[in-house]
Protein backbone atom coordinates (compact mmCIF):
# COMPACT_ATOMS: atom_id res chain seq x y z
CA MET A 1 14.49 3.28 -10.10
CA LYS A 2 13.84 1.46 -6.80
CA ARG A 3 13.28 4.69 -4.94
CA GLY A 4 10.74 5.81 -7.54
CA ILE A 5 8.80 2.57 -7.27
CA TRP A 6 8.71 2.75 -3.49
CA SER A 7 7.73 6.43 -3.38
CA GLY A 8 4.77 5.88 -5.68
CA VAL A 9 3.61 2.84 -3.75
CA LEU A 10 3.91 4.68 -0.43
CA VAL A 11 1.74 7.57 -1.60
CA ILE A 12 -0.98 5.21 -2.81
CA ALA A 13 -0.79 3.02 0.30
CA LEU A 14 -1.08 6.02 2.61
CA GLY A 15 -4.11 7.16 0.66
CA ILE A 16 -5.72 3.76 1.05
CA GLY A 17 -5.02 3.71 4.76
CA ALA A 18 -6.48 7.17 5.29
CA SER A 19 -9.68 6.46 3.40
CA ALA A 20 -10.12 2.91 4.69
CA GLY A 21 -10.07 4.10 8.26
CA VAL A 22 -12.96 6.45 7.58
CA SER A 23 -15.69 4.16 6.36
CA ALA A 24 -14.52 0.82 4.96
CA GLN A 25 -15.24 -2.37 6.91
CA VAL A 26 -17.02 -0.54 9.72
CA PRO A 27 -18.63 -2.86 12.26
CA PRO A 28 -21.76 -1.68 14.05
CA GLN A 29 -20.88 1.03 16.56
CA ALA A 30 -22.24 1.21 20.10
CA ALA A 31 -24.98 3.72 19.26
CA GLU A 32 -26.09 1.63 16.30
CA VAL A 33 -26.22 -1.54 18.39
CA LEU A 34 -28.35 0.19 21.01
CA ALA A 35 -30.79 1.23 18.30
CA TYR A 36 -31.06 -2.22 16.76
CA GLU A 37 -34.39 -4.00 16.81
CA GLY A 38 -35.69 -7.26 15.46
CA LEU A 39 -33.36 -9.51 13.49
CA HIS A 40 -30.46 -7.05 13.61
CA ARG A 41 -30.49 -7.07 17.41
CA ALA A 42 -30.97 -10.82 17.67
CA ALA A 43 -28.23 -11.50 15.11
CA TRP A 44 -25.75 -9.21 16.87
CA GLN A 45 -26.45 -10.80 20.25
CA GLY A 46 -26.53 -14.34 18.91
CA ASP A 47 -29.97 -14.77 20.46
CA LEU A 48 -30.89 -17.94 18.61
CA PRO A 49 -34.40 -18.45 20.04
CA LYS A 50 -35.22 -14.88 19.05
CA VAL A 51 -33.70 -15.33 15.59
CA LYS A 52 -35.80 -18.47 15.09
CA ALA A 53 -38.97 -16.79 16.34
CA LEU A 54 -38.48 -13.75 14.12
CA ILE A 55 -37.81 -15.91 11.07
CA ALA A 56 -40.92 -17.97 11.81
CA SER A 57 -43.00 -14.79 12.11
CA GLY A 58 -41.89 -13.62 8.67
CA ALA A 59 -39.30 -11.00 9.57
CA LYS A 60 -37.51 -9.56 6.56
CA LEU A 61 -34.28 -11.57 6.28
CA ASP A 62 -32.38 -8.95 4.28
CA ALA A 63 -33.53 -5.82 6.12
CA ARG A 64 -30.94 -3.03 6.10
CA ASP A 65 -29.56 -0.85 8.88
CA ALA A 66 -28.42 2.75 8.34
CA ARG A 67 -25.21 1.57 6.66
CA GLY A 68 -26.89 -1.05 4.51
CA ARG A 69 -25.91 -4.01 6.67
CA THR A 70 -28.25 -7.00 6.73
CA PRO A 71 -28.68 -9.19 9.82
CA LEU A 72 -26.24 -11.61 8.15
CA HIS A 73 -23.60 -8.88 7.89
CA VAL A 74 -24.17 -7.99 11.54
CA ALA A 75 -23.91 -11.61 12.65
CA THR A 76 -20.69 -11.96 10.67
CA HIS A 77 -19.17 -8.88 12.29
CA ALA A 78 -20.15 -10.27 15.70
CA ARG A 79 -18.83 -13.77 14.90
CA GLN A 80 -22.23 -15.20 15.75
CA ARG A 81 -21.84 -18.28 13.61
CA GLU A 82 -24.98 -20.08 14.70
CA ALA A 83 -27.01 -17.00 13.85
CA VAL A 84 -25.31 -16.89 10.45
CA LYS A 85 -26.30 -20.50 9.91
CA LEU A 86 -29.93 -19.92 10.86
CA LEU A 87 -30.23 -16.85 8.64
CA ALA A 88 -28.61 -18.61 5.69
CA LYS A 89 -30.79 -21.68 6.00
CA ALA A 90 -33.86 -19.45 6.13
CA GLY A 91 -32.85 -17.91 2.80
CA ALA A 92 -30.86 -14.79 3.68
CA ASN A 93 -28.75 -13.49 0.81
CA LEU A 94 -25.20 -14.69 1.49
CA ASP A 95 -23.73 -12.38 -1.14
CA ALA A 96 -25.51 -9.12 -0.30
CA LEU A 97 -23.34 -5.99 -0.37
CA GLU A 98 -23.62 -3.30 2.28
CA ASP A 99 -23.21 0.41 1.55
CA ASP A 100 -19.40 0.23 1.32
CA ARG A 101 -19.83 -2.75 -1.05
CA TYR A 102 -18.57 -5.44 1.29
CA ASP A 103 -20.15 -8.87 1.52
CA ALA A 104 -20.06 -11.27 4.47
CA VAL A 105 -17.14 -13.22 2.95
CA THR A 106 -15.01 -10.08 2.74
CA ILE A 107 -16.06 -8.96 6.22
CA ALA A 108 -14.92 -12.28 7.70
CA SER A 109 -11.74 -12.25 5.60
CA VAL A 110 -10.72 -8.75 6.69
CA ALA A 111 -11.42 -9.70 10.32
CA ASP A 112 -9.10 -12.73 9.96
CA ASP A 113 -12.05 -14.84 11.05
CA SER A 114 -11.34 -18.08 9.27
CA ALA A 115 -14.01 -20.03 11.18
CA THR A 116 -16.85 -17.74 10.08
CA LEU A 117 -15.40 -17.61 6.58
CA ALA A 118 -15.35 -21.41 6.40
CA LEU A 119 -18.97 -21.53 7.51
CA LEU A 120 -20.07 -18.96 4.92
CA LEU A 121 -18.27 -20.82 2.15
CA SER A 122 -19.79 -24.14 3.25
CA LEU A 123 -23.22 -22.52 3.06
CA GLY A 124 -22.60 -21.46 -0.54
CA ALA A 125 -21.30 -17.89 -0.27
CA ASN A 126 -19.37 -16.65 -3.31
CA ALA A 127 -15.59 -16.65 -2.71
CA GLY A 128 -14.88 -14.41 -5.69
CA GLN A 129 -17.42 -11.62 -5.65
CA VAL A 130 -16.14 -8.15 -6.64
CA THR A 131 -16.38 -5.97 -3.54
CA SER A 132 -15.33 -2.61 -2.07
CA ARG A 133 -14.72 0.83 -3.56
CA TYR A 134 -11.54 -0.62 -5.06
CA ASP A 135 -13.40 -3.25 -7.12
CA GLY A 136 -11.36 -5.90 -5.37
CA THR A 137 -12.11 -9.30 -3.87
CA ALA A 138 -11.94 -10.91 -0.45
CA LEU A 139 -8.72 -12.60 -1.58
CA ILE A 140 -7.06 -9.27 -2.40
CA ALA A 141 -8.18 -7.82 0.96
CA ALA A 142 -6.88 -10.84 2.87
CA ALA A 143 -3.57 -10.82 0.97
CA HIS A 144 -3.13 -7.11 1.74
CA LEU A 145 -3.47 -7.90 5.47
CA GLY A 146 -1.38 -11.08 5.44
CA HIS A 147 -4.23 -13.27 6.63
CA ASP A 148 -2.58 -16.39 5.29
CA GLU A 149 -5.05 -18.98 6.60
CA VAL A 150 -7.95 -17.00 5.15
CA VAL A 151 -6.07 -16.72 1.86
CA ARG A 152 -5.67 -20.48 1.70
CA LYS A 153 -9.38 -21.03 2.40
CA LEU A 154 -10.39 -18.57 -0.31
CA ILE A 155 -8.02 -20.17 -2.81
CA ALA A 156 -9.45 -23.61 -2.00
CA ALA A 157 -12.95 -22.21 -2.56
CA GLY A 158 -12.02 -21.03 -6.05
CA ALA A 159 -11.40 -17.33 -5.49
CA PRO A 160 -9.92 -15.75 -8.64
CA LEU A 161 -6.15 -15.59 -8.23
CA ASP A 162 -5.44 -12.85 -10.75
CA HIS A 163 -8.29 -10.38 -10.34
CA VAL A 164 -7.01 -6.83 -10.91
CA ASN A 165 -8.66 -4.10 -8.82
CA ASN A 166 -9.09 -0.48 -9.85
CA LEU A 167 -5.68 0.39 -8.39
CA HIS A 168 -4.31 -2.11 -10.93
CA TRP A 169 -3.17 -4.45 -8.16
CA THR A 170 -3.62 -8.19 -7.79
CA ALA A 171 -3.57 -10.23 -4.57
CA VAL A 172 0.13 -10.94 -5.18
CA ILE A 173 0.94 -7.26 -5.61
CA GLU A 174 -1.07 -6.21 -2.55
CA ALA A 175 0.66 -8.83 -0.40
CA ILE A 176 3.90 -7.09 -1.31
CA VAL A 177 3.15 -3.37 -1.53
CA LEU A 178 0.71 -3.19 1.38
CA GLY A 179 2.34 -5.93 3.45
CA ASP A 180 5.18 -5.74 5.96
CA GLY A 181 7.34 -8.44 4.40
CA GLY A 182 7.00 -10.54 7.55
CA PRO A 183 6.15 -14.22 8.02
CA ARG A 184 2.41 -13.97 7.46
CA HIS A 185 2.76 -11.98 4.26
CA GLN A 186 5.47 -14.40 3.13
CA ARG A 187 3.10 -17.34 3.74
CA THR A 188 0.37 -15.45 1.91
CA LEU A 189 2.61 -14.91 -1.10
CA ALA A 190 3.75 -18.53 -1.02
CA ALA A 191 0.13 -19.73 -1.02
CA LEU A 192 -0.68 -17.56 -4.03
CA ILE A 193 2.41 -18.73 -5.90
CA ASP A 194 1.73 -22.39 -5.11
CA ALA A 195 -1.84 -21.97 -6.38
CA GLY A 196 -0.54 -20.68 -9.72
CA ALA A 197 -1.04 -16.92 -9.47
CA ASN A 198 0.35 -14.99 -12.44
CA LEU A 199 3.62 -13.38 -11.36
CA LYS A 200 4.02 -11.40 -14.57
CA LEU A 201 1.04 -9.10 -14.05
CA THR A 202 2.29 -5.61 -13.27
CA ASP A 203 1.08 -2.54 -11.46
CA ARG A 204 -0.02 0.56 -13.37
CA GLN A 205 3.60 1.73 -13.65
CA GLY A 206 4.69 -1.57 -15.20
CA ASN A 207 6.44 -2.95 -12.11
CA THR A 208 6.38 -6.71 -11.61
CA PRO A 209 5.91 -8.33 -8.19
CA LEU A 210 9.62 -9.18 -8.18
CA GLN A 211 10.59 -5.56 -8.81
CA LEU A 212 8.22 -4.36 -6.10
CA ALA A 213 9.56 -6.84 -3.55
CA SER A 214 13.14 -5.94 -4.47
CA ALA A 215 12.38 -2.23 -4.10
CA ARG A 216 11.12 -2.77 -0.58
CA GLY A 217 14.05 -4.99 0.41
CA TYR A 218 11.82 -7.99 1.09
CA THR A 219 14.48 -10.62 0.48
CA ALA A 220 12.37 -13.59 1.57
CA MET A 221 9.66 -12.58 -0.88
CA VAL A 222 12.23 -12.06 -3.61
CA LYS A 223 13.41 -15.64 -3.08
CA LEU A 224 9.86 -16.93 -3.33
CA LEU A 225 9.29 -15.01 -6.55
CA GLU A 226 12.60 -16.11 -8.07
CA ALA A 227 12.22 -19.79 -7.22
CA PRO A 228 11.59 -22.10 -10.19
CA ARG A 229 7.95 -23.04 -10.62
CA PRO A 230 6.95 -26.59 -11.56
CA ARG A 231 5.43 -26.97 -15.00
């Protein structure tokens, strides 16, 4: 039974890894950066006087590059927080999706960039938007990667705890099946449990988070999942 659970999870996880490396969460590459003009260039470089001048001259705030990234996406990838702030205050769309269906919140979350994430959330970005080819959320992506501080920020901002993506996985399940069982994934799981995530939701094969953690030999996670929960 355990071996069957783990084999199925491994096949799916390897598939995710192979496809994600191809096009998901791709920051601007060197050739793209060299070709940037206008707000995209200024946002990437964090050239605030230029950003201000372009905004004042009526530059299109949500212009798209070849991969559908807006200047706000580019500034988020580059961790140019002051540029993010200027663009947002000028009216840039905080929740725009690029071609791979990622928003700025998910970009910052995947990058483990809690400072930029906190800024985006303070500016009104949506913590629970459905993103990516997997119909997931920033919380699921962050849980998958064990970005525990990001997970806590998203939870505090009201991200949906029990969203199920098109792989039939929740943030809790991804923290287990795509995690390494180490301290950061343990803290991620603990944060989700403490926030009240549903531990009875199963994967497509009917396996609970407890069964999945047991199958992988993640004893610390098993203890977290077995611990009594306050009512």
